Amino acid sequence: MALIITLPPLLTYVGALTLKMERFQFLRAAGVMSALAGAFTLAFHKLSAPDADYLWILLALIGPVLLAIGNLYRTLRWPVGVSSDALAPGMLIAASLLLLGMSLLPGFSLQIPTDRSLPMFLIAVQAVVFAGQFLLLFLLQKSGGPVFLSLLGSVGAVVGVPVAILLQGETAPEGLLLGILLIGTGIALLNIGKAKQASDKAA
């Protein structure tokens, strides 16, 4: 899953070009392609494994498409004059309502142990972390734009793959170092391209 969420940068960039949200720029395009090449380097050997379940892989690929659509939609429909910290609570409330709806499904429960304090403490910590995460997401969307925000998926792969290896016992995919270098290069190129774009506008 950490590898699959590296696909939104390319989808978001293609969507942004199609919708004329940004003009083509070689550095930014090269950055997105480099990050994507890093992701494919990491994913290739996983997908070519004999026990790979392609049905679940195809279903999982819906996630990056929805993430790319969300990245573009938030920029296109951002209310004029509204700040990031005003929009983040609405997203949190919507997420809470979705979770509440899930709890009403048969065989699904949100019940937590009440005989210990640790579960309640962890939920409180999660609530604070998620609130901060949504606020940072909207701040990054506003300042960096949809394409830059989508690179969080590539960063997630760099973090998620070592976690899977060290904590969950997965075998390290071949090409891990090359993949990380390509993703890092992609993020750097995208930032350089963004800065060059801003300086050109100022000039």
N, C-alpha and C. Protein backbone atom coordinates (compact mmCIF):
# COMPACT_ATOMS: atom_id res chain seq x y z
N MET A 1 0.84 -1.22 0.00
CA MET A 1 0.00 0.00 0.00
C MET A 1 0.86 1.25 0.00
N ALA A 2 1.98 1.20 0.74
CA ALA A 2 2.88 2.36 0.77
C ALA A 2 3.41 2.67 -0.63
N LEU A 3 3.61 1.61 -1.43
CA LEU A 3 4.12 1.82 -2.78
C LEU A 3 3.03 2.35 -3.71
N ILE A 4 1.81 1.89 -3.53
CA ILE A 4 0.72 2.29 -4.43
C ILE A 4 0.38 3.77 -4.30
N ILE A 5 0.51 4.33 -3.07
CA ILE A 5 0.16 5.75 -2.90
C ILE A 5 1.22 6.69 -3.46
N THR A 6 2.23 6.13 -4.16
CA THR A 6 3.18 7.00 -4.86
C THR A 6 2.67 7.39 -6.24
N LEU A 7 1.55 6.84 -6.68
CA LEU A 7 1.02 7.16 -8.01
C LEU A 7 0.31 8.51 -8.12
N PRO A 8 -0.28 9.08 -7.06
CA PRO A 8 -0.98 10.37 -7.21
C PRO A 8 -0.18 11.51 -7.82
N PRO A 9 1.18 11.62 -7.62
CA PRO A 9 1.87 12.75 -8.25
C PRO A 9 1.68 12.82 -9.75
N LEU A 10 1.85 11.69 -10.44
CA LEU A 10 1.69 11.71 -11.90
C LEU A 10 0.25 12.01 -12.29
N LEU A 11 -0.71 11.36 -11.62
CA LEU A 11 -2.12 11.57 -11.94
C LEU A 11 -2.53 13.02 -11.67
N THR A 12 -2.04 13.58 -10.56
CA THR A 12 -2.37 14.97 -10.22
C THR A 12 -1.75 15.93 -11.22
N TYR A 13 -0.49 15.66 -11.60
CA TYR A 13 0.19 16.54 -12.54
C TYR A 13 -0.49 16.53 -13.91
N VAL A 14 -0.85 15.34 -14.39
CA VAL A 14 -1.57 15.22 -15.68
C VAL A 14 -2.91 15.94 -15.60
N GLY A 15 -3.62 15.78 -14.45
CA GLY A 15 -4.90 16.46 -14.27
C GLY A 15 -4.74 17.97 -14.24
N ALA A 16 -3.68 18.45 -13.56
CA ALA A 16 -3.44 19.90 -13.47
C ALA A 16 -3.12 20.48 -14.84
N LEU A 17 -2.36 19.75 -15.66
CA LEU A 17 -2.07 20.22 -17.02
C LEU A 17 -3.33 20.22 -17.87
N THR A 18 -4.13 19.15 -17.75
CA THR A 18 -5.35 19.03 -18.55
C THR A 18 -6.34 20.15 -18.22
N LEU A 19 -6.46 20.46 -16.92
CA LEU A 19 -7.40 21.49 -16.49
C LEU A 19 -6.81 22.90 -16.56
N LYS A 20 -5.57 22.99 -17.10
CA LYS A 20 -4.88 24.28 -17.25
C LYS A 20 -4.68 24.98 -15.90
N MET A 21 -4.48 24.18 -14.86
CA MET A 21 -4.20 24.75 -13.54
C MET A 21 -2.73 25.16 -13.44
N GLU A 22 -1.88 24.58 -14.27
CA GLU A 22 -0.51 25.03 -14.36
C GLU A 22 0.03 24.75 -15.75
N ARG A 23 1.06 25.52 -16.11
CA ARG A 23 1.68 25.35 -17.42
C ARG A 23 2.78 24.30 -17.34
N PHE A 24 3.03 23.65 -18.47
CA PHE A 24 4.07 22.63 -18.50
C PHE A 24 5.42 23.27 -18.22
N GLN A 25 6.16 22.64 -17.34
CA GLN A 25 7.52 23.09 -17.04
C GLN A 25 8.40 21.86 -16.93
N PHE A 26 9.53 21.90 -17.63
CA PHE A 26 10.37 20.71 -17.74
C PHE A 26 10.84 20.21 -16.38
N LEU A 27 11.29 21.11 -15.50
CA LEU A 27 11.83 20.68 -14.21
C LEU A 27 10.77 19.98 -13.36
N ARG A 28 9.57 20.55 -13.33
CA ARG A 28 8.50 19.94 -12.53
C ARG A 28 8.06 18.60 -13.12
N ALA A 29 7.98 18.54 -14.44
CA ALA A 29 7.63 17.27 -15.09
C ALA A 29 8.70 16.22 -14.82
N ALA A 30 9.98 16.64 -14.89
CA ALA A 30 11.07 15.71 -14.61
C ALA A 30 11.03 15.24 -13.16
N GLY A 31 10.66 16.14 -12.25
CA GLY A 31 10.55 15.77 -10.84
C GLY A 31 9.49 14.73 -10.60
N VAL A 32 8.32 14.92 -11.21
CA VAL A 32 7.23 13.96 -11.06
C VAL A 32 7.63 12.62 -11.66
N MET A 33 8.25 12.64 -12.85
CA MET A 33 8.64 11.40 -13.50
C MET A 33 9.72 10.67 -12.70
N SER A 34 10.64 11.43 -12.09
CA SER A 34 11.68 10.81 -11.27
C SER A 34 11.08 10.13 -10.04
N ALA A 35 10.15 10.83 -9.38
CA ALA A 35 9.49 10.23 -8.20
C ALA A 35 8.71 8.99 -8.60
N LEU A 36 8.06 9.06 -9.75
CA LEU A 36 7.28 7.91 -10.22
C LEU A 36 8.20 6.74 -10.59
N ALA A 37 9.35 7.06 -11.21
CA ALA A 37 10.32 6.02 -11.55
C ALA A 37 10.83 5.34 -10.29
N GLY A 38 11.04 6.13 -9.23
CA GLY A 38 11.45 5.54 -7.95
C GLY A 38 10.40 4.61 -7.39
N ALA A 39 9.14 5.03 -7.51
CA ALA A 39 8.05 4.19 -7.01
C ALA A 39 7.97 2.89 -7.79
N PHE A 40 8.10 2.97 -9.12
CA PHE A 40 8.03 1.76 -9.94
C PHE A 40 9.23 0.85 -9.69
N THR A 41 10.39 1.46 -9.40
CA THR A 41 11.56 0.66 -9.07
C THR A 41 11.29 -0.17 -7.82
N LEU A 42 10.66 0.45 -6.84
CA LEU A 42 10.32 -0.26 -5.60
C LEU A 42 9.23 -1.30 -5.83
N ALA A 43 8.27 -0.96 -6.69
CA ALA A 43 7.09 -1.81 -6.83
C ALA A 43 7.27 -2.97 -7.80
N PHE A 44 8.22 -2.85 -8.73
CA PHE A 44 8.32 -3.81 -9.82
C PHE A 44 8.44 -5.25 -9.32
N HIS A 45 9.37 -5.47 -8.39
CA HIS A 45 9.61 -6.84 -7.93
C HIS A 45 8.45 -7.36 -7.09
N LYS A 46 7.75 -6.46 -6.40
CA LYS A 46 6.57 -6.89 -5.64
C LYS A 46 5.46 -7.36 -6.58
N LEU A 47 5.24 -6.58 -7.65
CA LEU A 47 4.16 -6.91 -8.58
C LEU A 47 4.48 -8.15 -9.41
N SER A 48 5.77 -8.43 -9.62
CA SER A 48 6.15 -9.59 -10.42
C SER A 48 6.27 -10.87 -9.60
N ALA A 49 5.98 -10.77 -8.29
CA ALA A 49 6.04 -11.96 -7.44
C ALA A 49 4.97 -12.96 -7.87
N PRO A 50 5.28 -14.27 -7.80
CA PRO A 50 4.31 -15.27 -8.27
C PRO A 50 3.01 -15.31 -7.46
N ASP A 51 3.05 -14.86 -6.20
CA ASP A 51 1.85 -14.90 -5.37
C ASP A 51 1.09 -13.58 -5.36
N ALA A 52 1.41 -12.65 -6.28
CA ALA A 52 0.73 -11.35 -6.32
C ALA A 52 -0.73 -11.53 -6.73
N ASP A 53 -1.64 -10.91 -5.97
CA ASP A 53 -3.07 -10.98 -6.26
C ASP A 53 -3.46 -9.73 -7.04
N TYR A 54 -3.57 -9.88 -8.36
CA TYR A 54 -3.77 -8.71 -9.23
C TYR A 54 -5.15 -8.07 -9.05
N LEU A 55 -6.17 -8.84 -8.64
CA LEU A 55 -7.49 -8.26 -8.41
C LEU A 55 -7.42 -7.21 -7.30
N TRP A 56 -6.79 -7.58 -6.19
CA TRP A 56 -6.67 -6.64 -5.07
C TRP A 56 -5.76 -5.47 -5.43
N ILE A 57 -4.74 -5.73 -6.25
CA ILE A 57 -3.86 -4.65 -6.69
C ILE A 57 -4.65 -3.63 -7.52
N LEU A 58 -5.50 -4.13 -8.43
CA LEU A 58 -6.31 -3.23 -9.26
C LEU A 58 -7.31 -2.44 -8.42
N LEU A 59 -7.92 -3.11 -7.43
CA LEU A 59 -8.84 -2.40 -6.54
C LEU A 59 -8.10 -1.33 -5.73
N ALA A 60 -6.89 -1.67 -5.29
CA ALA A 60 -6.10 -0.72 -4.51
C ALA A 60 -5.71 0.50 -5.35
N LEU A 61 -5.59 0.32 -6.66
CA LEU A 61 -5.21 1.43 -7.54
C LEU A 61 -6.29 2.50 -7.64
N ILE A 62 -7.51 2.17 -7.20
CA ILE A 62 -8.57 3.19 -7.18
C ILE A 62 -8.20 4.30 -6.19
N GLY A 63 -7.49 3.94 -5.13
CA GLY A 63 -7.10 4.91 -4.10
C GLY A 63 -6.32 6.09 -4.66
N PRO A 64 -5.22 5.86 -5.41
CA PRO A 64 -4.48 6.99 -5.99
C PRO A 64 -5.32 7.87 -6.90
N VAL A 65 -6.26 7.28 -7.64
CA VAL A 65 -7.13 8.07 -8.52
C VAL A 65 -7.98 9.02 -7.68
N LEU A 66 -8.55 8.50 -6.58
CA LEU A 66 -9.38 9.34 -5.71
C LEU A 66 -8.54 10.42 -5.03
N LEU A 67 -7.31 10.07 -4.63
CA LEU A 67 -6.43 11.07 -4.01
C LEU A 67 -6.11 12.19 -5.00
N ALA A 68 -5.82 11.84 -6.24
CA ALA A 68 -5.51 12.86 -7.26
C ALA A 68 -6.71 13.76 -7.51
N ILE A 69 -7.91 13.16 -7.59
CA ILE A 69 -9.13 13.95 -7.78
C ILE A 69 -9.33 14.90 -6.60
N GLY A 70 -9.10 14.41 -5.38
CA GLY A 70 -9.24 15.25 -4.19
C GLY A 70 -8.26 16.41 -4.20
N ASN A 71 -7.00 16.14 -4.59
CA ASN A 71 -5.99 17.20 -4.65
C ASN A 71 -6.41 18.32 -5.59
N LEU A 72 -6.92 17.93 -6.76
CA LEU A 72 -7.33 18.92 -7.76
C LEU A 72 -8.61 19.65 -7.34
N TYR A 73 -9.56 18.89 -6.79
CA TYR A 73 -10.85 19.48 -6.42
C TYR A 73 -10.68 20.56 -5.34
N ARG A 74 -9.84 20.28 -4.33
CA ARG A 74 -9.67 21.25 -3.24
C ARG A 74 -9.12 22.57 -3.75
N THR A 75 -8.22 22.50 -4.74
CA THR A 75 -7.68 23.75 -5.30
C THR A 75 -8.72 24.45 -6.17
N LEU A 76 -9.43 23.69 -7.00
CA LEU A 76 -10.41 24.29 -7.92
C LEU A 76 -11.58 24.93 -7.17
N ARG A 77 -12.00 24.30 -6.08
CA ARG A 77 -13.20 24.77 -5.38
C ARG A 77 -12.89 25.41 -4.02
N TRP A 78 -11.65 25.86 -3.85
CA TRP A 78 -11.28 26.51 -2.59
C TRP A 78 -12.07 27.82 -2.47
N PRO A 79 -12.85 27.99 -1.41
CA PRO A 79 -13.65 29.22 -1.26
C PRO A 79 -12.76 30.46 -1.17
N VAL A 80 -13.15 31.51 -1.87
CA VAL A 80 -12.35 32.74 -1.90
C VAL A 80 -12.28 33.35 -0.51
N GLY A 81 -11.07 33.69 -0.08
CA GLY A 81 -10.87 34.37 1.20
C GLY A 81 -10.97 33.50 2.43
N VAL A 82 -11.08 32.18 2.27
CA VAL A 82 -11.20 31.29 3.42
C VAL A 82 -9.84 30.67 3.72
N SER A 83 -9.47 30.69 5.01
CA SER A 83 -8.15 30.18 5.41
C SER A 83 -8.15 28.67 5.58
N SER A 84 -6.94 28.11 5.68
CA SER A 84 -6.78 26.66 5.84
C SER A 84 -7.39 26.17 7.15
N ASP A 85 -7.17 26.93 8.24
CA ASP A 85 -7.65 26.47 9.55
C ASP A 85 -9.17 26.59 9.67
N ALA A 86 -9.82 27.26 8.72
CA ALA A 86 -11.28 27.30 8.72
C ALA A 86 -11.86 26.09 7.99
N LEU A 87 -11.12 25.53 7.03
CA LEU A 87 -11.61 24.40 6.24
C LEU A 87 -11.31 23.05 6.88
N ALA A 88 -10.19 22.94 7.58
CA ALA A 88 -9.77 21.65 8.15
C ALA A 88 -10.82 21.05 9.09
N PRO A 89 -11.46 21.84 9.98
CA PRO A 89 -12.48 21.24 10.86
C PRO A 89 -13.63 20.60 10.10
N GLY A 90 -14.04 21.19 8.98
CA GLY A 90 -15.12 20.61 8.19
C GLY A 90 -14.76 19.24 7.66
N MET A 91 -13.51 19.06 7.26
CA MET A 91 -13.06 17.76 6.77
C MET A 91 -13.02 16.74 7.90
N LEU A 92 -12.62 17.19 9.08
CA LEU A 92 -12.60 16.29 10.25
C LEU A 92 -14.02 15.85 10.62
N ILE A 93 -14.97 16.79 10.56
CA ILE A 93 -16.36 16.45 10.88
C ILE A 93 -16.90 15.45 9.85
N ALA A 94 -16.59 15.67 8.57
CA ALA A 94 -17.03 14.74 7.52
C ALA A 94 -16.43 13.35 7.75
N ALA A 95 -15.15 13.30 8.13
CA ALA A 95 -14.50 12.01 8.41
C ALA A 95 -15.16 11.32 9.60
N SER A 96 -15.54 12.09 10.61
CA SER A 96 -16.21 11.52 11.79
C SER A 96 -17.56 10.93 11.41
N LEU A 97 -18.29 11.63 10.54
CA LEU A 97 -19.59 11.13 10.10
C LEU A 97 -19.45 9.84 9.29
N LEU A 98 -18.40 9.78 8.46
CA LEU A 98 -18.13 8.55 7.70
C LEU A 98 -17.83 7.39 8.64
N LEU A 99 -17.04 7.66 9.66
CA LEU A 99 -16.70 6.62 10.63
C LEU A 99 -17.94 6.16 11.40
N LEU A 100 -18.79 7.12 11.74
CA LEU A 100 -20.04 6.78 12.42
C LEU A 100 -20.91 5.91 11.53
N GLY A 101 -20.98 6.24 10.24
CA GLY A 101 -21.75 5.43 9.29
C GLY A 101 -21.20 4.01 9.19
N MET A 102 -19.87 3.89 9.20
CA MET A 102 -19.24 2.56 9.16
C MET A 102 -19.61 1.73 10.39
N SER A 103 -19.75 2.40 11.53
CA SER A 103 -20.05 1.67 12.77
C SER A 103 -21.45 1.06 12.75
N LEU A 104 -22.32 1.57 11.87
CA LEU A 104 -23.68 1.06 11.78
C LEU A 104 -23.79 -0.18 10.88
N LEU A 105 -22.71 -0.49 10.16
CA LEU A 105 -22.73 -1.68 9.31
C LEU A 105 -22.76 -2.94 10.15
N PRO A 106 -23.44 -3.99 9.68
CA PRO A 106 -23.48 -5.24 10.46
C PRO A 106 -22.10 -5.87 10.57
N GLY A 107 -21.78 -6.35 11.76
CA GLY A 107 -20.49 -7.00 12.00
C GLY A 107 -19.34 -6.05 12.20
N PHE A 108 -19.63 -4.74 12.27
CA PHE A 108 -18.57 -3.75 12.48
C PHE A 108 -18.86 -2.98 13.75
N SER A 109 -17.88 -2.84 14.60
CA SER A 109 -18.11 -2.17 15.89
C SER A 109 -16.96 -1.22 16.20
N LEU A 110 -17.31 -0.09 16.84
CA LEU A 110 -16.31 0.86 17.31
C LEU A 110 -16.07 0.73 18.81
N GLN A 111 -16.55 -0.36 19.37
CA GLN A 111 -16.42 -0.55 20.81
C GLN A 111 -14.95 -0.69 21.20
N ILE A 112 -14.58 -0.04 22.29
CA ILE A 112 -13.21 -0.11 22.78
C ILE A 112 -13.21 -0.59 24.22
N PRO A 113 -12.12 -1.21 24.67
CA PRO A 113 -12.04 -1.67 26.07
C PRO A 113 -12.12 -0.49 27.03
N THR A 114 -12.94 -0.61 28.05
CA THR A 114 -13.09 0.48 29.03
C THR A 114 -12.46 0.13 30.37
N ASP A 115 -11.90 -1.08 30.47
CA ASP A 115 -11.31 -1.48 31.75
C ASP A 115 -9.86 -1.03 31.89
N ARG A 116 -9.31 -0.41 30.84
CA ARG A 116 -7.94 0.08 30.90
C ARG A 116 -7.90 1.51 30.37
N SER A 117 -6.91 2.26 30.79
CA SER A 117 -6.80 3.66 30.36
C SER A 117 -6.00 3.81 29.07
N LEU A 118 -5.17 2.81 28.73
CA LEU A 118 -4.31 2.94 27.56
C LEU A 118 -5.09 3.16 26.25
N PRO A 119 -6.16 2.39 25.96
CA PRO A 119 -6.89 2.63 24.71
C PRO A 119 -7.43 4.06 24.60
N MET A 120 -7.99 4.59 25.70
CA MET A 120 -8.51 5.96 25.68
C MET A 120 -7.38 6.97 25.46
N PHE A 121 -6.23 6.70 26.07
CA PHE A 121 -5.08 7.59 25.91
C PHE A 121 -4.61 7.60 24.45
N LEU A 122 -4.55 6.41 23.83
CA LEU A 122 -4.12 6.31 22.43
C LEU A 122 -5.10 7.01 21.50
N ILE A 123 -6.40 6.89 21.79
CA ILE A 123 -7.41 7.57 20.97
C ILE A 123 -7.26 9.09 21.08
N ALA A 124 -6.98 9.58 22.29
CA ALA A 124 -6.78 11.02 22.49
C ALA A 124 -5.56 11.51 21.72
N VAL A 125 -4.47 10.72 21.75
CA VAL A 125 -3.26 11.09 21.00
C VAL A 125 -3.54 11.08 19.50
N GLN A 126 -4.26 10.06 19.03
CA GLN A 126 -4.63 9.98 17.61
C GLN A 126 -5.46 11.19 17.19
N ALA A 127 -6.39 11.60 18.05
CA ALA A 127 -7.26 12.73 17.72
C ALA A 127 -6.43 14.00 17.51
N VAL A 128 -5.45 14.22 18.40
CA VAL A 128 -4.59 15.40 18.28
C VAL A 128 -3.73 15.32 17.01
N VAL A 129 -3.16 14.15 16.76
CA VAL A 129 -2.30 13.97 15.58
C VAL A 129 -3.10 14.17 14.30
N PHE A 130 -4.31 13.58 14.23
CA PHE A 130 -5.13 13.71 13.02
C PHE A 130 -5.58 15.15 12.81
N ALA A 131 -5.93 15.84 13.88
CA ALA A 131 -6.34 17.25 13.75
C ALA A 131 -5.18 18.08 13.20
N GLY A 132 -3.99 17.86 13.73
CA GLY A 132 -2.81 18.57 13.23
C GLY A 132 -2.50 18.20 11.79
N GLN A 133 -2.68 16.92 11.46
CA GLN A 133 -2.40 16.44 10.10
C GLN A 133 -3.33 17.10 9.08
N PHE A 134 -4.63 17.18 9.39
CA PHE A 134 -5.57 17.81 8.46
C PHE A 134 -5.27 19.30 8.29
N LEU A 135 -4.88 19.96 9.38
CA LEU A 135 -4.55 21.38 9.28
C LEU A 135 -3.32 21.57 8.40
N LEU A 136 -2.28 20.74 8.61
CA LEU A 136 -1.08 20.85 7.79
C LEU A 136 -1.37 20.51 6.32
N LEU A 137 -2.27 19.55 6.10
CA LEU A 137 -2.63 19.18 4.73
C LEU A 137 -3.23 20.37 3.99
N PHE A 138 -4.14 21.10 4.65
CA PHE A 138 -4.77 22.25 4.01
C PHE A 138 -3.78 23.40 3.83
N LEU A 139 -2.88 23.58 4.81
CA LEU A 139 -1.85 24.62 4.67
C LEU A 139 -0.94 24.32 3.48
N LEU A 140 -0.55 23.04 3.35
CA LEU A 140 0.32 22.64 2.25
C LEU A 140 -0.40 22.75 0.92
N GLN A 141 -1.69 22.41 0.90
CA GLN A 141 -2.50 22.54 -0.33
C GLN A 141 -2.54 23.99 -0.77
N LYS A 142 -2.75 24.90 0.18
CA LYS A 142 -2.89 26.32 -0.14
C LYS A 142 -1.57 26.91 -0.62
N SER A 143 -0.47 26.55 0.04
CA SER A 143 0.81 27.17 -0.27
C SER A 143 1.54 26.47 -1.42
N GLY A 144 1.45 25.14 -1.49
CA GLY A 144 2.23 24.40 -2.48
C GLY A 144 1.47 23.99 -3.71
N GLY A 145 0.14 23.91 -3.63
CA GLY A 145 -0.66 23.48 -4.77
C GLY A 145 -0.85 21.97 -4.80
N PRO A 146 -1.72 21.49 -5.69
CA PRO A 146 -2.10 20.08 -5.69
C PRO A 146 -0.96 19.12 -6.06
N VAL A 147 -0.08 19.53 -7.00
CA VAL A 147 0.99 18.63 -7.44
C VAL A 147 2.00 18.42 -6.32
N PHE A 148 2.38 19.52 -5.66
CA PHE A 148 3.34 19.39 -4.55
C PHE A 148 2.75 18.54 -3.42
N LEU A 149 1.48 18.78 -3.12
CA LEU A 149 0.83 18.01 -2.06
C LEU A 149 0.82 16.52 -2.39
N SER A 150 0.64 16.19 -3.66
CA SER A 150 0.55 14.78 -4.05
C SER A 150 1.85 14.02 -3.81
N LEU A 151 2.97 14.73 -3.69
CA LEU A 151 4.25 14.06 -3.45
C LEU A 151 4.34 13.45 -2.05
N LEU A 152 3.36 13.76 -1.19
CA LEU A 152 3.33 13.11 0.11
C LEU A 152 3.26 11.59 -0.04
N GLY A 153 2.65 11.13 -1.14
CA GLY A 153 2.59 9.69 -1.39
C GLY A 153 3.96 9.09 -1.57
N SER A 154 4.84 9.81 -2.28
CA SER A 154 6.21 9.33 -2.48
C SER A 154 6.98 9.30 -1.17
N VAL A 155 6.78 10.33 -0.35
CA VAL A 155 7.41 10.35 0.97
C VAL A 155 6.88 9.19 1.82
N GLY A 156 5.56 8.92 1.69
CA GLY A 156 4.95 7.81 2.42
C GLY A 156 5.58 6.48 2.08
N ALA A 157 5.98 6.32 0.81
CA ALA A 157 6.63 5.07 0.40
C ALA A 157 8.00 4.93 1.03
N VAL A 158 8.75 6.05 1.05
CA VAL A 158 10.09 6.02 1.65
C VAL A 158 10.01 5.67 3.13
N VAL A 159 8.98 6.17 3.82
CA VAL A 159 8.81 5.87 5.24
C VAL A 159 8.17 4.50 5.44
N GLY A 160 7.14 4.21 4.64
CA GLY A 160 6.35 2.99 4.83
C GLY A 160 7.11 1.71 4.53
N VAL A 161 7.98 1.74 3.50
CA VAL A 161 8.72 0.53 3.15
C VAL A 161 9.65 0.08 4.28
N PRO A 162 10.47 0.99 4.86
CA PRO A 162 11.30 0.55 6.00
C PRO A 162 10.47 0.06 7.19
N VAL A 163 9.32 0.69 7.45
CA VAL A 163 8.46 0.24 8.55
C VAL A 163 7.98 -1.18 8.29
N ALA A 164 7.57 -1.45 7.03
CA ALA A 164 7.11 -2.79 6.67
C ALA A 164 8.23 -3.82 6.84
N ILE A 165 9.46 -3.41 6.51
CA ILE A 165 10.60 -4.33 6.60
C ILE A 165 11.00 -4.57 8.05
N LEU A 166 11.12 -3.49 8.81
CA LEU A 166 11.67 -3.59 10.17
C LEU A 166 10.64 -4.05 11.20
N LEU A 167 9.38 -3.63 11.04
CA LEU A 167 8.37 -3.93 12.06
C LEU A 167 7.41 -5.04 11.65
N GLN A 168 7.23 -5.26 10.35
CA GLN A 168 6.24 -6.25 9.91
C GLN A 168 6.86 -7.46 9.22
N GLY A 169 8.18 -7.51 9.17
CA GLY A 169 8.86 -8.70 8.67
C GLY A 169 8.82 -8.90 7.17
N GLU A 170 8.47 -7.86 6.38
CA GLU A 170 8.50 -8.02 4.93
C GLU A 170 9.95 -8.02 4.45
N THR A 171 10.21 -8.73 3.37
CA THR A 171 11.56 -8.75 2.81
C THR A 171 11.80 -7.45 2.04
N ALA A 172 13.02 -6.94 2.13
CA ALA A 172 13.35 -5.68 1.46
C ALA A 172 13.27 -5.85 -0.05
N PRO A 173 12.51 -5.00 -0.74
CA PRO A 173 12.42 -5.12 -2.20
C PRO A 173 13.75 -4.77 -2.85
N GLU A 174 14.05 -5.42 -3.95
CA GLU A 174 15.26 -5.09 -4.70
C GLU A 174 15.12 -3.67 -5.26
N GLY A 175 16.24 -2.98 -5.34
CA GLY A 175 16.22 -1.62 -5.87
C GLY A 175 15.74 -0.58 -4.87
N LEU A 176 15.77 -0.92 -3.57
CA LEU A 176 15.26 0.00 -2.54
C LEU A 176 16.05 1.31 -2.53
N LEU A 177 17.37 1.22 -2.54
CA LEU A 177 18.21 2.42 -2.48
C LEU A 177 18.00 3.29 -3.71
N LEU A 178 17.98 2.67 -4.90
CA LEU A 178 17.76 3.41 -6.14
C LEU A 178 16.39 4.10 -6.13
N GLY A 179 15.38 3.38 -5.64
CA GLY A 179 14.04 3.95 -5.56
C GLY A 179 13.98 5.18 -4.67
N ILE A 180 14.62 5.09 -3.51
CA ILE A 180 14.63 6.21 -2.57
C ILE A 180 15.36 7.41 -3.17
N LEU A 181 16.49 7.15 -3.87
CA LEU A 181 17.25 8.24 -4.50
C LEU A 181 16.42 8.93 -5.59
N LEU A 182 15.70 8.13 -6.39
CA LEU A 182 14.87 8.71 -7.45
C LEU A 182 13.72 9.54 -6.88
N ILE A 183 13.10 9.04 -5.81
CA ILE A 183 12.00 9.79 -5.18
C ILE A 183 12.53 11.09 -4.58
N GLY A 184 13.68 11.02 -3.90
CA GLY A 184 14.28 12.23 -3.33
C GLY A 184 14.63 13.25 -4.40
N THR A 185 15.18 12.77 -5.52
CA THR A 185 15.50 13.66 -6.65
C THR A 185 14.24 14.31 -7.21
N GLY A 186 13.17 13.52 -7.30
CA GLY A 186 11.90 14.04 -7.80
C GLY A 186 11.36 15.17 -6.94
N ILE A 187 11.40 14.99 -5.63
CA ILE A 187 10.92 16.03 -4.72
C ILE A 187 11.76 17.29 -4.84
N ALA A 188 13.10 17.11 -4.96
CA ALA A 188 13.99 18.26 -5.11
C ALA A 188 13.70 19.02 -6.40
N LEU A 189 13.53 18.28 -7.51
CA LEU A 189 13.25 18.93 -8.80
C LEU A 189 11.92 19.68 -8.78
N LEU A 190 10.94 19.09 -8.12
CA LEU A 190 9.63 19.74 -8.06
C LEU A 190 9.72 21.05 -7.28
N ASN A 191 10.49 21.04 -6.20
CA ASN A 191 10.68 22.26 -5.40
C ASN A 191 11.45 23.32 -6.18
N ILE A 192 12.51 22.89 -6.89
CA ILE A 192 13.29 23.83 -7.69
C ILE A 192 12.43 24.43 -8.79
N GLY A 193 11.62 23.58 -9.43
CA GLY A 193 10.72 24.06 -10.48
C GLY A 193 9.70 25.04 -9.94
N LYS A 194 9.18 24.77 -8.75
CA LYS A 194 8.20 25.67 -8.12
C LYS A 194 8.84 27.03 -7.83
N ALA A 195 10.08 26.99 -7.29
CA ALA A 195 10.78 28.24 -6.97
C ALA A 195 11.09 29.03 -8.25
N LYS A 196 11.50 28.32 -9.32
CA LYS A 196 11.79 28.99 -10.59
C LYS A 196 10.53 29.61 -11.17
N GLN A 197 9.41 28.89 -11.04
CA GLN A 197 8.13 29.40 -11.54
C GLN A 197 7.76 30.70 -10.81
N ALA A 198 7.96 30.68 -9.48
CA ALA A 198 7.63 31.86 -8.68
C ALA A 198 8.52 33.04 -9.04
N SER A 199 9.83 32.78 -9.26
CA SER A 199 10.75 33.87 -9.62
C SER A 199 10.44 34.42 -10.99
N ASP A 200 10.04 33.56 -11.92
CA ASP A 200 9.66 34.02 -13.26
C ASP A 200 8.43 34.94 -13.21
N LYS A 201 7.46 34.57 -12.35
CA LYS A 201 6.26 35.38 -12.20
C LYS A 201 6.61 36.74 -11.62
N ALA A 202 7.52 36.74 -10.61
CA ALA A 202 7.92 37.99 -9.98
C ALA A 202 8.65 38.88 -10.98
N ALA A 203 9.47 38.25 -11.83
CA ALA A 203 10.21 39.03 -12.83
C ALA A 203 9.26 39.61 -13.88
